[in-house]
Amino acid sequence: MVMNHEIIIFTSIFALLMGFIVFRILKKRKRSAKSIYKLIDDLEKKYIY
């Protein structure tokens, strides 16, 4: 009975940690893509127009 509680607690903590890591990666990826598009746009304005 004690081992079942340990497994349940460990898996819930592990799932929460994995979800947090995935969320951070997706958030970082969106930010970097946005900054790349802004950089391209600024370079276009500077050298083309």
PDB file of N, CA and C in Angstrom:
ATOM      1  N   MET A   1       0.827  -1.205   0.000  1.00  0.00           N
ATOM      2  CA  MET A   1       0.000   0.000   0.000  1.00  0.00           C
ATOM      3  C   MET A   1       0.866   1.262   0.000  1.00  0.00           C
ATOM      4  N   VAL A   2       1.946   1.248   0.773  1.00  0.00           N
ATOM      5  CA  VAL A   2       2.822   2.412   0.830  1.00  0.00           C
ATOM      6  C   VAL A   2       3.503   2.636  -0.518  1.00  0.00           C
ATOM      7  N   MET A   3       3.886   1.562  -1.190  1.00  0.00           N
ATOM      8  CA  MET A   3       4.563   1.687  -2.467  1.00  0.00           C
ATOM      9  C   MET A   3       3.639   2.301  -3.522  1.00  0.00           C
ATOM     10  N   ASN A   4       2.348   1.978  -3.485  1.00  0.00           N
ATOM     11  CA  ASN A   4       1.408   2.558  -4.450  1.00  0.00           C
ATOM     12  C   ASN A   4       1.321   4.069  -4.296  1.00  0.00           C
ATOM     13  N   HIS A   5       1.308   4.571  -3.076  1.00  0.00           N
ATOM     14  CA  HIS A   5       1.263   6.015  -2.862  1.00  0.00           C
ATOM     15  C   HIS A   5       2.541   6.675  -3.385  1.00  0.00           C
ATOM     16  N   GLU A   6       3.679   6.053  -3.172  1.00  0.00           N
ATOM     17  CA  GLU A   6       4.933   6.623  -3.667  1.00  0.00           C
ATOM     18  C   GLU A   6       4.939   6.695  -5.193  1.00  0.00           C
ATOM     19  N   ILE A   7       4.452   5.643  -5.843  1.00  0.00           N
ATOM     20  CA  ILE A   7       4.407   5.632  -7.307  1.00  0.00           C
ATOM     21  C   ILE A   7       3.471   6.721  -7.822  1.00  0.00           C
ATOM     22  N   ILE A   8       2.305   6.861  -7.196  1.00  0.00           N
ATOM     23  CA  ILE A   8       1.338   7.877  -7.633  1.00  0.00           C
ATOM     24  C   ILE A   8       1.916   9.279  -7.457  1.00  0.00           C
ATOM     25  N   ILE A   9       2.540   9.543  -6.338  1.00  0.00           N
ATOM     26  CA  ILE A   9       3.126  10.863  -6.087  1.00  0.00           C
ATOM     27  C   ILE A   9       4.266  11.130  -7.069  1.00  0.00           C
ATOM     28  N   PHE A  10       5.128  10.138  -7.282  1.00  0.00           N
ATOM     29  CA  PHE A  10       6.265  10.320  -8.182  1.00  0.00           C
ATOM     30  C   PHE A  10       5.801  10.568  -9.613  1.00  0.00           C
ATOM     31  N   THR A  11       4.823   9.807 -10.100  1.00  0.00           N
ATOM     32  CA  THR A  11       4.363  10.001 -11.476  1.00  0.00           C
ATOM     33  C   THR A  11       3.667  11.343 -11.661  1.00  0.00           C
ATOM     34  N   SER A  12       2.927  11.798 -10.652  1.00  0.00           N
ATOM     35  CA  SER A  12       2.265  13.098 -10.784  1.00  0.00           C
ATOM     36  C   SER A  12       3.293  14.230 -10.817  1.00  0.00           C
ATOM     37  N   ILE A  13       4.314  14.145  -9.979  1.00  0.00           N
ATOM     38  CA  ILE A  13       5.363  15.165  -9.988  1.00  0.00           C
ATOM     39  C   ILE A  13       6.128  15.126 -11.305  1.00  0.00           C
ATOM     40  N   PHE A  14       6.422  13.918 -11.794  1.00  0.00           N
ATOM     41  CA  PHE A  14       7.149  13.780 -13.056  1.00  0.00           C
ATOM     42  C   PHE A  14       6.341  14.344 -14.225  1.00  0.00           C
ATOM     43  N   ALA A  15       5.030  14.059 -14.262  1.00  0.00           N
ATOM     44  CA  ALA A  15       4.178  14.578 -15.336  1.00  0.00           C
ATOM     45  C   ALA A  15       4.097  16.100 -15.283  1.00  0.00           C
ATOM     46  N   LEU A  16       3.992  16.656 -14.094  1.00  0.00           N
ATOM     47  CA  LEU A  16       3.946  18.110 -13.945  1.00  0.00           C
ATOM     48  C   LEU A  16       5.248  18.743 -14.423  1.00  0.00           C
ATOM     49  N   LEU A  17       6.363  18.133 -14.066  1.00  0.00           N
ATOM     50  CA  LEU A  17       7.667  18.646 -14.492  1.00  0.00           C
ATOM     51  C   LEU A  17       7.822  18.584 -16.007  1.00  0.00           C
ATOM     52  N   MET A  18       7.426  17.488 -16.617  1.00  0.00           N
ATOM     53  CA  MET A  18       7.524  17.359 -18.073  1.00  0.00           C
ATOM     54  C   MET A  18       6.626  18.378 -18.770  1.00  0.00           C
ATOM     55  N   GLY A  19       5.430  18.592 -18.261  1.00  0.00           N
ATOM     56  CA  GLY A  19       4.527  19.587 -18.833  1.00  0.00           C
ATOM     57  C   GLY A  19       5.110  20.982 -18.753  1.00  0.00           C
ATOM     58  N   PHE A  20       5.733  21.306 -17.625  1.00  0.00           N
ATOM     59  CA  PHE A  20       6.357  22.616 -17.451  1.00  0.00           C
ATOM     60  C   PHE A  20       7.507  22.803 -18.432  1.00  0.00           C
ATOM     61  N   ILE A  21       8.328  21.764 -18.626  1.00  0.00           N
ATOM     62  CA  ILE A  21       9.456  21.853 -19.555  1.00  0.00           C
ATOM     63  C   ILE A  21       8.962  22.043 -20.985  1.00  0.00           C
ATOM     64  N   VAL A  22       7.945  21.288 -21.394  1.00  0.00           N
ATOM     65  CA  VAL A  22       7.398  21.422 -22.751  1.00  0.00           C
ATOM     66  C   VAL A  22       6.822  22.819 -22.947  1.00  0.00           C
ATOM     67  N   PHE A  23       6.104  23.323 -21.948  1.00  0.00           N
ATOM     68  CA  PHE A  23       5.528  24.670 -22.033  1.00  0.00           C
ATOM     69  C   PHE A  23       6.621  25.721 -22.199  1.00  0.00           C
ATOM     70  N   ARG A  24       7.704  25.602 -21.449  1.00  0.00           N
ATOM     71  CA  ARG A  24       8.804  26.563 -21.553  1.00  0.00           C
ATOM     72  C   ARG A  24       9.461  26.521 -22.933  1.00  0.00           C
ATOM     73  N   ILE A  25       9.639  25.312 -23.481  1.00  0.00           N
ATOM     74  CA  ILE A  25      10.264  25.185 -24.801  1.00  0.00           C
ATOM     75  C   ILE A  25       9.376  25.823 -25.866  1.00  0.00           C
ATOM     76  N   LEU A  26       8.072  25.554 -25.808  1.00  0.00           N
ATOM     77  CA  LEU A  26       7.168  26.128 -26.805  1.00  0.00           C
ATOM     78  C   LEU A  26       7.114  27.651 -26.681  1.00  0.00           C
ATOM     79  N   LYS A  27       7.102  28.156 -25.474  1.00  0.00           N
ATOM     80  CA  LYS A  27       7.068  29.603 -25.277  1.00  0.00           C
ATOM     81  C   LYS A  27       8.352  30.244 -25.815  1.00  0.00           C
ATOM     82  N   LYS A  28       9.482  29.631 -25.555  1.00  0.00           N
ATOM     83  CA  LYS A  28      10.755  30.169 -26.031  1.00  0.00           C
ATOM     84  C   LYS A  28      10.813  30.131 -27.556  1.00  0.00           C
ATOM     85  N   ARG A  29      10.315  29.049 -28.158  1.00  0.00           N
ATOM     86  CA  ARG A  29      10.352  28.918 -29.617  1.00  0.00           C
ATOM     87  C   ARG A  29       9.503  30.000 -30.272  1.00  0.00           C
ATOM     88  N   LYS A  30       8.327  30.280 -29.720  1.00  0.00           N
ATOM     89  CA  LYS A  30       7.484  31.331 -30.291  1.00  0.00           C
ATOM     90  C   LYS A  30       8.178  32.679 -30.223  1.00  0.00           C
ATOM     91  N   ARG A  31       8.802  32.964 -29.109  1.00  0.00           N
ATOM     92  CA  ARG A  31       9.464  34.255 -28.943  1.00  0.00           C
ATOM     93  C   ARG A  31      10.605  34.390 -29.933  1.00  0.00           C
ATOM     94  N   SER A  32      11.384  33.336 -30.124  1.00  0.00           N
ATOM     95  CA  SER A  32      12.518  33.434 -31.026  1.00  0.00           C
ATOM     96  C   SER A  32      12.053  33.576 -32.475  1.00  0.00           C
ATOM     97  N   ALA A  33      10.984  32.886 -32.852  1.00  0.00           N
ATOM     98  CA  ALA A  33      10.466  33.014 -34.216  1.00  0.00           C
ATOM     99  C   ALA A  33       9.979  34.442 -34.459  1.00  0.00           C
ATOM    100  N   LYS A  34       9.320  35.014 -33.473  1.00  0.00           N
ATOM    101  CA  LYS A  34       8.839  36.386 -33.613  1.00  0.00           C
ATOM    102  C   LYS A  34      10.011  37.356 -33.771  1.00  0.00           C
ATOM    103  N   SER A  35      11.066  37.153 -32.991  1.00  0.00           N
ATOM    104  CA  SER A  35      12.217  38.050 -33.099  1.00  0.00           C
ATOM    105  C   SER A  35      12.937  37.873 -34.430  1.00  0.00           C
ATOM    106  N   ILE A  36      12.964  36.659 -34.972  1.00  0.00           N
ATOM    107  CA  ILE A  36      13.592  36.427 -36.277  1.00  0.00           C
ATOM    108  C   ILE A  36      12.816  37.151 -37.376  1.00  0.00           C
ATOM    109  N   TYR A  37      11.478  37.068 -37.332  1.00  0.00           N
ATOM    110  CA  TYR A  37      10.679  37.770 -38.338  1.00  0.00           C
ATOM    111  C   TYR A  37      10.871  39.277 -38.227  1.00  0.00           C
ATOM    112  N   LYS A  38      10.987  39.793 -37.006  1.00  0.00           N
ATOM    113  CA  LYS A  38      11.217  41.218 -36.830  1.00  0.00           C
ATOM    114  C   LYS A  38      12.578  41.608 -37.395  1.00  0.00           C
ATOM    115  N   LEU A  39      13.587  40.796 -37.169  1.00  0.00           N
ATOM    116  CA  LEU A  39      14.918  41.078 -37.694  1.00  0.00           C
ATOM    117  C   LEU A  39      14.910  41.097 -39.214  1.00  0.00           C
ATOM    118  N   ILE A  40      14.248  40.125 -39.839  1.00  0.00           N
ATOM    119  CA  ILE A  40      14.161  40.078 -41.302  1.00  0.00           C
ATOM    120  C   ILE A  40      13.438  41.312 -41.824  1.00  0.00           C
ATOM    121  N   ASP A  41      12.358  41.689 -41.166  1.00  0.00           N
ATOM    122  CA  ASP A  41      11.603  42.861 -41.585  1.00  0.00           C
ATOM    123  C   ASP A  41      12.442  44.129 -41.485  1.00  0.00           C
ATOM    124  N   ASP A  42      13.185  44.266 -40.384  1.00  0.00           N
ATOM    125  CA  ASP A  42      14.046  45.443 -40.229  1.00  0.00           C
ATOM    126  C   ASP A  42      15.138  45.478 -41.292  1.00  0.00           C
ATOM    127  N   LEU A  43      15.724  44.335 -41.597  1.00  0.00           N
ATOM    128  CA  LEU A  43      16.765  44.297 -42.635  1.00  0.00           C
ATOM    129  C   LEU A  43      16.196  44.622 -44.016  1.00  0.00           C
ATOM    130  N   GLU A  44      14.975  44.142 -44.285  1.00  0.00           N
ATOM    131  CA  GLU A  44      14.329  44.480 -45.567  1.00  0.00           C
ATOM    132  C   GLU A  44      14.127  45.995 -45.682  1.00  0.00           C
ATOM    133  N   LYS A  45      13.626  46.600 -44.631  1.00  0.00           N
ATOM    134  CA  LYS A  45      13.390  48.044 -44.661  1.00  0.00           C
ATOM    135  C   LYS A  45      14.690  48.814 -44.848  1.00  0.00           C
ATOM    136  N   LYS A  46      15.752  48.310 -44.210  1.00  0.00           N
ATOM    137  CA  LYS A  46      17.026  49.028 -44.269  1.00  0.00           C
ATOM    138  C   LYS A  46      17.686  48.924 -45.644  1.00  0.00           C
ATOM    139  N   TYR A  47      17.670  47.756 -46.254  1.00  0.00           N
ATOM    140  CA  TYR A  47      18.445  47.551 -47.485  1.00  0.00           C
ATOM    141  C   TYR A  47      17.630  47.584 -48.773  1.00  0.00           C
ATOM    142  N   ILE A  48      16.319  47.371 -48.703  1.00  0.00           N
ATOM    143  CA  ILE A  48      15.523  47.339 -49.934  1.00  0.00           C
ATOM    144  C   ILE A  48      14.874  48.693 -50.192  1.00  0.00           C
ATOM    145  N   TYR A  49      14.326  49.323 -49.171  1.00  0.00           N
ATOM    146  CA  TYR A  49      13.599  50.573 -49.401  1.00  0.00           C
ATOM    147  C   TYR A  49      14.494  51.778 -49.310  1.00  0.00           C
TER     148      TYR A  49
END
